[in-house]
């Protein structure tokens, strides 16, 4: 039978002194905040948030960063237009205006979301806790309130864990003694520095390298590996690394052994196969990755298991190892992507409402994008992963420069690369580096999700000419299928 919340009288008799019982507790207000709709009006619900309402994406992640990226794209266009015969000039960047435009929009959204949950009549059944939740027993949580005071204990029939993740701070001697930034803080600095070191070469590092350098900051990127964005397809990573080295001081294969203050900022001592060196700058951005907040929840006390990487362990229905407890988003998903968290929230909502007829999350073809310059997008397997799995495949590449719109833009660096099963024509992966890559790749995501083969995809529809998606069309046409 469908599980239904108990009546008010039944709930009341389940209370014990100092303990409040809920039908549902949600920890985290990112994507999990969207779970509640009118079908939960009869449920007694608690929402717990330890930070800013709205989660990572809204406050310190994809939304503000892309707003900075767009401003950076505009600034950079002024310095790269001369090849087209347009002699534009970047007269300056009003950092405070750029920053305040962004957070002048975002902060009211976060505040409005919190006020809606706390005060709107639609949420009369919802209690909002400002604080940190941790397990003290089976489906029992202690809430350490932000404003202090004695911790409150609550219990629940159902719990959704969606506490997100946080930036990793590496164990570098001296790092804790210098004023460094992470992606959580760097967007709100008071003024642009003359120079910046970015420690890390993944999504966050390369996006901020683009933003800061486009605004006139001298950028140094430190990478442990021999390539930037090394988890991308090898051809994409190689091309991007070459292009990045033309814009920034890129140091590959470096290990950071110490951090220290200087009279003008921060210095990092590095080692490599070539020996020792030191880099200095006014600002240091640490962008070496993110880690799930599972360690903050005392999960063992609640019987909830985690993976060796610290993610909450879930099955295909987003259920944890404890019946009635679900997890989603960055806390349980190594993808750490907002569109994945949104999908998982929809799955959890349905499985809360219809536990006897659960739906599974679909993680078959999860795309991602890097909003650096040039932009990068990917879905499916890289060529390296395809070889590692021993799959038979064919691949083809099409340069932006060889399609009409790419030629018109004068783009000589971008390309689209596709991989397919030669027998069936099913796409195994697609990778794009170049203008509007996240938009260009979308037809490939659709084809993979719905089983459309490469030949039908390429020739079974019109492709607008001249438009950038032709770079994907021509790559598909080049595939040598059986």
Protein backbone atom coordinates (compact mmCIF):
# COMPACT_ATOMS: atom_id res chain seq x y z
CA UNK A 1 0.00 0.00 0.00
CA UNK A 2 1.02 3.60 -0.51
CA UNK A 3 2.66 5.03 2.66
CA UNK A 4 0.67 7.93 4.11
CA UNK A 5 1.66 10.31 6.89
CA UNK A 6 -0.08 9.73 10.22
CA UNK A 7 -2.84 11.98 11.42
CA UNK A 8 -2.22 14.87 13.80
CA UNK A 9 -3.41 13.00 16.89
CA UNK A 10 -1.30 9.98 15.96
CA UNK A 11 1.72 12.24 15.51
CA UNK A 12 1.25 13.89 18.88
CA UNK A 13 1.31 10.64 20.78
CA UNK A 14 4.63 9.82 19.18
CA UNK A 15 6.38 12.84 20.68
CA UNK A 16 8.65 12.39 23.65
CA UNK A 17 9.95 15.06 25.97
CA UNK A 18 12.40 17.29 24.14
CA UNK A 19 12.02 15.39 20.86
CA UNK A 20 9.96 16.51 17.88
CA UNK A 21 8.88 13.93 15.31
CA UNK A 22 8.40 14.67 11.62
CA UNK A 23 7.09 12.70 8.71
CA UNK A 24 9.95 14.01 6.57
CA UNK A 25 13.23 15.78 7.28
CA UNK A 26 15.23 17.33 4.42
CA UNK A 27 18.85 18.29 5.11
CA UNK A 28 20.02 20.85 2.58
CA UNK A 29 18.19 23.48 0.52
CA UNK A 30 19.76 23.08 -2.90
CA UNK A 31 17.94 20.77 -5.29
CA UNK A 32 16.24 19.02 -2.37
CA UNK A 33 14.26 22.19 -1.67
CA UNK A 34 12.32 21.46 -4.88
CA UNK A 35 11.03 18.12 -3.58
CA UNK A 36 8.11 19.63 -1.70
CA UNK A 37 4.95 20.33 -3.68
CA UNK A 38 1.24 20.35 -2.92
CA UNK A 39 1.23 16.58 -2.46
CA UNK A 40 3.22 17.02 0.76
CA UNK A 41 0.70 19.43 2.30
CA UNK A 42 -0.43 16.76 4.75
CA UNK A 43 3.09 15.86 5.84
CA UNK A 44 4.83 17.40 8.80
CA UNK A 45 8.18 18.47 7.32
CA UNK A 46 11.43 19.90 8.67
CA UNK A 47 14.12 21.47 6.52
CA UNK A 48 17.62 21.94 7.91
CA UNK A 49 20.15 24.32 6.35
CA UNK A 50 23.56 25.06 7.85
CA UNK A 51 24.59 27.73 5.34
CA UNK A 52 22.99 30.11 2.86
CA UNK A 53 19.56 29.03 1.66
CA UNK A 54 19.51 27.67 -1.89
CA UNK A 55 22.61 25.51 -1.98
CA UNK A 56 25.89 25.59 -3.88
CA UNK A 57 24.66 26.23 -7.41
CA UNK A 58 22.67 29.34 -6.61
CA UNK A 59 25.04 30.97 -4.14
CA UNK A 60 28.65 29.95 -4.90
CA UNK A 61 28.45 27.69 -7.94
CA UNK A 62 27.05 27.52 -11.42
CA UNK A 63 24.78 30.58 -11.39
CA UNK A 64 27.14 33.32 -10.17
CA UNK A 65 30.16 31.82 -11.92
CA UNK A 66 28.40 31.82 -15.29
CA UNK A 67 27.36 35.42 -14.76
CA UNK A 68 31.02 36.26 -14.20
CA UNK A 69 31.95 34.16 -17.25
CA UNK A 70 29.56 36.09 -19.45
CA UNK A 71 31.07 39.39 -18.34
CA UNK A 72 34.53 37.92 -18.96
CA UNK A 73 33.51 36.80 -22.46
CA UNK A 74 32.39 40.35 -23.25
CA UNK A 75 35.64 41.79 -21.89
CA UNK A 76 37.80 39.31 -23.79
CA UNK A 77 36.00 39.95 -27.07
CA UNK A 78 37.36 43.49 -27.05
CA UNK A 79 40.92 42.20 -26.97
CA UNK A 80 40.50 39.52 -29.63
CA UNK A 81 38.44 41.34 -32.25
CA UNK A 82 41.26 42.89 -34.27
CA UNK A 83 41.65 39.73 -36.37
CA UNK A 84 38.14 40.45 -37.69
CA UNK A 85 39.03 44.03 -38.57
CA UNK A 86 37.31 45.46 -35.52
CA UNK A 87 39.67 47.54 -33.41
CA UNK A 88 37.88 47.44 -30.07
CA UNK A 89 39.47 48.46 -26.81
CA UNK A 90 38.86 47.34 -23.23
CA UNK A 91 38.93 50.58 -21.28
CA UNK A 92 38.49 48.94 -17.93
CA UNK A 93 36.50 46.58 -15.74
CA UNK A 94 34.38 47.97 -12.90
CA UNK A 95 34.78 44.93 -10.66
CA UNK A 96 32.46 46.19 -7.95
CA UNK A 97 29.72 46.80 -10.51
CA UNK A 98 30.20 43.35 -12.05
CA UNK A 99 30.11 41.71 -8.62
CA UNK A 100 27.19 43.73 -7.28
CA UNK A 101 25.07 43.15 -10.40
CA UNK A 102 25.48 39.41 -9.85
CA UNK A 103 24.92 39.17 -6.12
CA UNK A 104 22.35 41.95 -6.20
CA UNK A 105 20.23 39.41 -8.06
CA UNK A 106 21.30 36.20 -6.35
CA UNK A 107 21.18 37.26 -2.71
CA UNK A 108 17.51 38.34 -2.88
CA UNK A 109 16.62 35.01 -4.50
CA UNK A 110 18.26 33.11 -1.65
CA UNK A 111 16.61 35.33 0.95
CA UNK A 112 13.25 35.09 -0.80
CA UNK A 113 13.46 31.29 -0.95
CA UNK A 114 14.13 31.13 2.76
CA UNK A 115 11.31 33.55 3.58
CA UNK A 116 8.90 31.54 1.43
CA UNK A 117 9.65 28.31 3.26
CA UNK A 118 9.59 29.98 6.68
CA UNK A 119 6.60 32.29 6.37
CA UNK A 120 4.34 31.56 3.38
CA UNK A 121 0.96 29.98 4.15
CA UNK A 122 1.72 27.23 1.61
CA UNK A 123 4.43 26.06 4.02
CA UNK A 124 2.40 26.01 7.24
CA UNK A 125 3.41 22.35 7.61
CA UNK A 126 7.13 23.12 7.25
CA UNK A 127 9.58 23.96 10.03
CA UNK A 128 12.85 25.54 8.93
CA UNK A 129 15.95 25.01 11.05
CA UNK A 130 19.02 27.22 10.70
CA UNK A 131 21.74 24.88 11.86
CA UNK A 132 23.80 21.74 11.38
CA UNK A 133 22.24 18.28 11.56
CA UNK A 134 24.02 15.15 12.71
CA UNK A 135 22.80 11.67 13.46
CA UNK A 136 22.65 10.51 17.06
CA UNK A 137 20.75 7.29 16.37
CA UNK A 138 18.45 5.50 13.95
CA UNK A 139 16.51 8.26 12.16
CA UNK A 140 17.35 10.58 15.03
CA UNK A 141 19.09 13.91 14.49
CA UNK A 142 20.58 16.56 16.72
CA UNK A 143 20.28 20.09 15.32
CA UNK A 144 23.00 22.50 16.42
CA UNK A 145 21.31 25.85 15.86
CA UNK A 146 23.27 28.62 14.16
CA UNK A 147 22.24 31.18 16.77
CA UNK A 148 23.46 28.92 19.54
CA UNK A 149 21.67 27.47 22.49
CA UNK A 150 20.89 23.89 23.34
CA UNK A 151 20.76 21.43 20.46
CA UNK A 152 17.31 20.21 19.43
CA UNK A 153 16.60 16.55 18.82
CA UNK A 154 14.25 15.50 16.05
CA UNK A 155 13.17 12.17 14.59
CA UNK A 156 11.51 11.31 11.30
CA UNK A 157 9.93 8.51 9.33
CA UNK A 158 11.65 9.67 6.15
CA UNK A 159 14.88 11.61 5.74
CA UNK A 160 16.46 13.13 2.63
CA UNK A 161 20.18 13.80 2.84
CA UNK A 162 21.20 16.59 0.46
CA UNK A 163 23.85 18.48 2.41
CA UNK A 164 26.07 19.05 -0.62
CA UNK A 165 29.83 19.42 -0.63
CA UNK A 166 32.59 21.92 -0.01
CA UNK A 167 35.90 22.97 -1.46
CA UNK A 168 38.89 20.79 -0.64
CA UNK A 169 41.78 22.49 1.13
CA UNK A 170 44.96 20.50 0.48
CA UNK A 171 47.45 19.70 3.19
CA UNK A 172 50.15 22.16 2.19
CA UNK A 173 52.50 23.42 4.92
CA UNK A 174 51.79 27.07 5.67
CA UNK A 175 48.54 27.22 3.69
CA UNK A 176 46.40 27.71 6.78
CA UNK A 177 48.51 30.74 7.70
CA UNK A 178 47.95 32.69 4.48
CA UNK A 179 44.83 34.45 3.25
CA UNK A 180 43.72 32.22 0.40
CA UNK A 181 40.37 31.99 -1.36
CA UNK A 182 38.17 29.16 -2.61
CA UNK A 183 35.29 29.39 -5.05
CA UNK A 184 33.08 30.16 -2.03
CA UNK A 185 34.82 33.47 -1.34
CA UNK A 186 36.73 34.67 -4.42
CA UNK A 187 33.66 36.06 -6.17
CA UNK A 188 33.03 38.58 -3.40
CA UNK A 189 36.50 40.14 -3.12
CA UNK A 190 36.58 43.93 -2.82
CA UNK A 191 38.88 44.60 -5.74
CA UNK A 192 40.69 42.79 -8.52
CA UNK A 193 44.29 41.84 -7.75
CA UNK A 194 47.07 42.60 -10.21
CA UNK A 195 48.06 38.94 -10.16
CA UNK A 196 46.61 35.60 -9.05
CA UNK A 197 47.80 32.05 -8.57
CA UNK A 198 45.23 29.35 -9.22
CA UNK A 199 46.11 26.08 -7.54
CA UNK A 200 44.21 23.45 -9.52
CA UNK A 201 43.44 22.72 -13.15
CA UNK A 202 39.90 21.37 -13.16
CA UNK A 203 36.52 22.96 -13.86
CA UNK A 204 36.71 25.62 -11.15
CA UNK A 205 40.32 26.56 -11.75
CA UNK A 206 40.04 26.94 -15.51
CA UNK A 207 36.79 28.92 -15.35
CA UNK A 208 38.23 31.41 -12.87
CA UNK A 209 41.47 31.61 -14.83
CA UNK A 210 39.38 32.77 -17.78
CA UNK A 211 37.39 35.25 -15.70
CA UNK A 212 40.31 36.85 -13.89
CA UNK A 213 42.61 37.03 -16.91
CA UNK A 214 39.85 38.54 -19.07
CA UNK A 215 39.52 41.27 -16.46
CA UNK A 216 43.22 42.06 -16.68
CA UNK A 217 44.67 39.91 -13.90
CA UNK A 218 48.00 38.16 -14.57
CA UNK A 219 47.19 34.50 -13.93
CA UNK A 220 49.44 31.57 -13.02
CA UNK A 221 47.87 28.09 -13.09
CA UNK A 222 49.49 25.28 -11.10
CA UNK A 223 48.67 21.71 -12.15
CA UNK A 224 49.88 18.46 -10.60
CA UNK A 225 49.35 16.58 -13.86
CA UNK A 226 50.90 17.16 -17.26
CA UNK A 227 47.70 18.62 -18.72
CA UNK A 228 44.82 20.89 -17.78
CA UNK A 229 41.33 19.37 -17.55
CA UNK A 230 42.97 15.96 -17.72
CA UNK A 231 39.70 14.07 -17.22
CA UNK A 232 38.40 15.32 -20.55
CA UNK A 233 38.95 13.37 -23.74
CA UNK A 234 42.69 13.36 -24.43
CA UNK A 235 42.40 15.37 -27.63
CA UNK A 236 40.32 18.05 -25.89
CA UNK A 237 42.63 18.25 -22.88
CA UNK A 238 45.68 18.52 -25.11
CA UNK A 239 44.18 21.29 -27.25
CA UNK A 240 42.95 23.22 -24.22
CA UNK A 241 46.33 22.99 -22.49
CA UNK A 242 48.03 24.40 -25.57
CA UNK A 243 45.57 27.30 -25.77
CA UNK A 244 45.76 28.03 -22.04
CA UNK A 245 49.56 28.23 -22.17
CA UNK A 246 49.20 31.04 -24.72
CA UNK A 247 47.12 33.11 -22.25
CA UNK A 248 48.46 32.25 -18.79
CA UNK A 249 51.61 31.17 -17.03
CA UNK A 250 50.82 27.44 -16.89
CA UNK A 251 53.02 25.25 -14.67
CA UNK A 252 52.44 21.53 -15.30
CA UNK A 253 53.61 18.57 -13.25
CA UNK A 254 54.15 20.67 -10.13
CA UNK A 255 53.79 19.65 -6.49
CA UNK A 256 53.09 22.45 -4.02
CA UNK A 257 55.31 21.95 -0.98
CA UNK A 258 54.79 25.19 0.96
CA UNK A 259 52.79 28.41 1.11
CA UNK A 260 53.88 31.63 2.78
CA UNK A 261 53.07 35.29 2.97
CA UNK A 262 55.12 37.91 1.22
CA UNK A 263 55.11 41.70 1.44
CA UNK A 264 52.84 41.88 -1.59
CA UNK A 265 50.76 38.72 -1.28
CA UNK A 266 51.39 34.99 -1.29
CA UNK A 267 54.18 32.70 -2.51
CA UNK A 268 53.98 29.00 -3.30
CA UNK A 269 57.08 26.82 -3.33
CA UNK A 270 56.88 24.13 -5.99
CA UNK A 271 58.85 21.07 -7.01
CA UNK A 272 58.90 19.23 -10.30
CA UNK A 273 61.09 16.96 -12.35
CA UNK A 274 63.06 20.08 -13.31
CA UNK A 275 63.73 21.09 -9.71
CA UNK A 276 62.44 23.73 -7.28
CA UNK A 277 60.76 27.05 -8.05
CA UNK A 278 58.61 29.72 -6.44
CA UNK A 279 55.60 31.62 -7.78
CA UNK A 280 54.18 34.77 -6.22
CA UNK A 281 50.97 36.74 -6.62
CA UNK A 282 48.61 39.04 -4.76
CA UNK A 283 45.80 36.47 -4.57
CA UNK A 284 45.71 32.69 -4.21
CA UNK A 285 42.68 30.69 -5.32
CA UNK A 286 42.65 27.08 -4.14
CA UNK A 287 40.63 25.02 -6.62
CA UNK A 288 41.79 21.41 -6.26
CA UNK A 289 38.34 19.85 -6.04
CA UNK A 290 35.34 19.37 -3.80
CA UNK A 291 34.42 16.82 -1.16
CA UNK A 292 30.99 15.68 0.09
CA UNK A 293 29.80 16.96 3.46
CA UNK A 294 29.10 13.42 4.67
CA UNK A 295 31.65 13.71 7.45
CA UNK A 296 29.63 16.51 9.04
CA UNK A 297 26.51 14.36 9.50
CA UNK A 298 27.93 11.59 11.75
CA UNK A 299 26.41 9.03 9.39
CA UNK A 300 27.71 5.93 11.24
CA UNK A 301 25.52 6.88 14.20
CA UNK A 302 22.52 6.65 11.90
CA UNK A 303 23.66 3.46 10.19
CA UNK A 304 24.11 5.20 6.83
CA UNK A 305 26.99 3.81 4.76
CA UNK A 306 29.41 5.78 2.60
CA UNK A 307 31.69 4.88 -0.30
CA UNK A 308 35.49 4.90 0.03
CA UNK A 309 35.43 8.41 -1.48
CA UNK A 310 33.09 9.68 1.20
CA UNK A 311 29.89 9.83 -0.83
CA UNK A 312 26.70 8.56 0.76
CA UNK A 313 26.03 5.13 -0.68
CA UNK A 314 22.77 4.95 -2.65
CA UNK A 315 21.07 2.46 -4.96
CA UNK A 316 19.42 3.22 -8.29
CA UNK A 317 16.37 4.61 -6.45
CA UNK A 318 18.52 7.05 -4.41
CA UNK A 319 17.89 4.96 -1.29
CA UNK A 320 20.66 4.73 1.30
CA UNK A 321 21.48 1.63 3.32
CA UNK A 322 18.79 2.63 5.85
CA UNK A 323 15.16 2.11 4.90
CA UNK A 324 13.38 5.44 4.55
CA UNK A 325 16.54 7.52 4.16
CA UNK A 326 17.39 8.88 0.71
CA UNK A 327 20.34 10.92 -0.55
CA UNK A 328 20.93 13.06 -3.61
CA UNK A 329 23.20 15.63 -5.19
CA UNK A 330 26.82 16.32 -4.34
CA UNK A 331 26.52 14.40 -1.08
CA UNK A 332 25.97 11.10 -2.91
CA UNK A 333 26.81 11.74 -6.55
CA UNK A 334 30.40 11.86 -7.84
CA UNK A 335 29.09 13.82 -10.84
CA UNK A 336 28.62 16.90 -8.61
CA UNK A 337 26.45 18.61 -11.22
CA UNK A 338 23.30 20.64 -10.69
CA UNK A 339 21.38 18.97 -13.50
CA UNK A 340 22.13 15.59 -11.93
CA UNK A 341 20.98 16.79 -8.50
CA UNK A 342 17.76 18.15 -10.00
CA UNK A 343 17.08 14.81 -11.69
CA UNK A 344 17.78 12.92 -8.48
CA UNK A 345 15.46 15.25 -6.52
CA UNK A 346 12.62 14.38 -8.90
CA UNK A 347 13.38 10.68 -8.38
CA UNK A 348 13.40 11.05 -4.60
CA UNK A 349 10.14 13.01 -4.64
CA UNK A 350 8.41 10.28 -6.59
CA UNK A 351 9.82 7.53 -4.40
CA UNK A 352 8.70 9.32 -1.24
CA UNK A 353 5.19 9.54 -2.63
CA UNK A 354 5.00 6.06 -4.18
CA UNK A 355 7.44 3.83 -2.27
CA UNK A 356 5.76 0.64 -3.50
CA UNK A 357 6.32 1.65 -7.12
CA UNK A 358 9.77 3.31 -7.13
CA UNK A 359 11.40 4.93 -10.14
CA UNK A 360 15.12 4.66 -10.85
CA UNK A 361 17.53 7.48 -11.56
CA UNK A 362 18.94 7.53 -15.09
CA UNK A 363 22.68 8.17 -15.03
CA UNK A 364 23.48 6.54 -18.37
CA UNK A 365 24.45 9.67 -20.29
CA UNK A 366 25.39 12.49 -17.94
CA UNK A 367 26.77 15.51 -19.80
CA UNK A 368 28.98 18.20 -18.38
CA UNK A 369 30.44 21.50 -19.53
CA UNK A 370 33.33 23.76 -18.60
CA UNK A 371 32.59 27.44 -19.14
CA UNK A 372 36.15 28.53 -19.68
CA UNK A 373 37.49 29.86 -22.98
CA UNK A 374 37.07 28.08 -25.27
CA UNK A 375 34.05 26.36 -23.82
CA UNK A 376 34.08 22.58 -23.47
CA UNK A 377 31.25 20.03 -23.31
CA UNK A 378 31.23 16.27 -23.09
CA UNK A 379 28.87 13.31 -22.83
CA UNK A 380 29.57 9.59 -22.73
CA UNK A 381 32.94 7.90 -22.98
CA UNK A 382 36.25 9.48 -23.85
CA UNK A 383 38.43 7.69 -26.36
CA UNK A 384 40.72 6.61 -23.54
CA UNK A 385 37.81 5.08 -21.61
CA UNK A 386 36.57 3.34 -24.73
CA UNK A 387 39.96 1.70 -25.25
CA UNK A 388 40.22 0.74 -21.58
CA UNK A 389 36.89 -1.07 -21.81
CA UNK A 390 38.01 -2.96 -24.88
CA UNK A 391 35.10 -1.69 -26.98
CA UNK A 392 35.15 -1.66 -30.76
CA UNK A 393 34.69 1.91 -31.91
CA UNK A 394 35.23 4.45 -34.65
CA UNK A 395 35.85 8.15 -34.16
CA UNK A 396 35.73 11.28 -36.27
CA UNK A 397 36.60 14.94 -35.73
CA UNK A 398 35.36 18.12 -37.38
CA UNK A 399 37.06 21.49 -36.94
CA UNK A 400 35.04 24.64 -36.38
CA UNK A 401 37.25 26.30 -38.98
CA UNK A 402 35.84 24.00 -41.65
CA UNK A 403 32.17 24.83 -41.17
CA UNK A 404 30.68 28.06 -42.46
CA UNK A 405 29.93 29.71 -39.14
CA UNK A 406 33.26 28.72 -37.62
CA UNK A 407 34.99 30.09 -40.71
CA UNK A 408 33.01 33.33 -40.35
CA UNK A 409 34.15 33.66 -36.74
CA UNK A 410 37.74 32.90 -37.63
CA UNK A 411 37.87 30.08 -35.08
CA UNK A 412 40.97 27.96 -35.69
CA UNK A 413 41.08 26.03 -32.42
CA UNK A 414 37.69 24.41 -31.82
CA UNK A 415 36.49 20.98 -32.91
CA UNK A 416 33.84 18.34 -32.30
CA UNK A 417 34.78 14.70 -31.78
CA UNK A 418 32.38 11.77 -31.78
CA UNK A 419 32.82 8.07 -31.02
CA UNK A 420 30.42 5.36 -32.12
CA UNK A 421 29.91 1.61 -32.28
CA UNK A 422 30.65 0.81 -35.95
CA UNK A 423 28.17 -2.07 -36.00
CA UNK A 424 25.12 -0.28 -34.61
CA UNK A 425 26.03 3.35 -35.16
CA UNK A 426 25.11 4.13 -31.55
CA UNK A 427 27.10 7.02 -30.16
CA UNK A 428 29.49 6.12 -27.37
CA UNK A 429 30.64 9.66 -26.65
CA UNK A 430 30.78 13.21 -27.94
CA UNK A 431 33.22 15.99 -27.05
CA UNK A 432 33.22 19.61 -28.18
CA UNK A 433 35.72 22.38 -27.55
CA UNK A 434 34.81 25.73 -29.04
CA UNK A 435 32.19 28.49 -29.05
CA UNK A 436 28.91 27.53 -27.37
CA UNK A 437 30.06 23.95 -26.87
CA UNK A 438 27.38 23.17 -24.24
CA UNK A 439 24.68 24.14 -26.74
CA UNK A 440 26.30 22.45 -29.72
CA UNK A 441 26.54 19.10 -27.95
CA UNK A 442 22.88 18.87 -26.91
CA UNK A 443 21.71 16.93 -30.02
CA UNK A 444 24.27 14.24 -29.20
CA UNK A 445 22.93 13.95 -25.65
CA UNK A 446 19.43 13.56 -27.04
CA UNK A 447 20.52 10.94 -29.56
CA UNK A 448 22.32 8.86 -26.94
CA UNK A 449 19.43 9.11 -24.49
CA UNK A 450 16.83 7.97 -27.01
CA UNK A 451 18.90 5.48 -28.98
CA UNK A 452 19.18 7.39 -32.25
CA UNK A 453 22.07 6.06 -34.32
CA UNK A 454 24.69 8.34 -35.83
CA UNK A 455 23.66 7.81 -39.45
CA UNK A 456 20.00 8.58 -38.76
CA UNK A 457 20.98 11.53 -36.63
CA UNK A 458 23.22 13.00 -39.33
CA UNK A 459 20.96 12.48 -42.33
CA UNK A 460 17.48 12.03 -40.87
CA UNK A 461 16.93 15.70 -40.09
CA UNK A 462 17.74 19.18 -41.32
CA UNK A 463 20.70 20.99 -39.80
CA UNK A 464 20.43 24.78 -40.06
CA UNK A 465 23.05 26.29 -42.36
CA UNK A 466 25.14 28.12 -41.50
CA UNK A 467 25.04 27.44 -37.78
CA UNK A 468 27.46 26.04 -35.24
CA UNK A 469 25.73 22.63 -34.80
CA UNK A 470 27.00 21.78 -38.29
CA UNK A 471 30.32 21.00 -36.63
CA UNK A 472 28.58 18.07 -34.94
CA UNK A 473 26.72 17.07 -38.11
CA UNK A 474 29.90 16.88 -40.16
CA UNK A 475 31.68 14.86 -37.50
CA UNK A 476 28.83 12.36 -37.56
CA UNK A 477 28.94 12.12 -41.35
CA UNK A 478 32.67 11.30 -41.21
CA UNK A 479 32.17 8.22 -39.00
CA UNK A 480 33.15 5.07 -40.90
CA UNK A 481 30.30 2.79 -39.85
CA UNK A 482 29.84 -0.81 -40.97
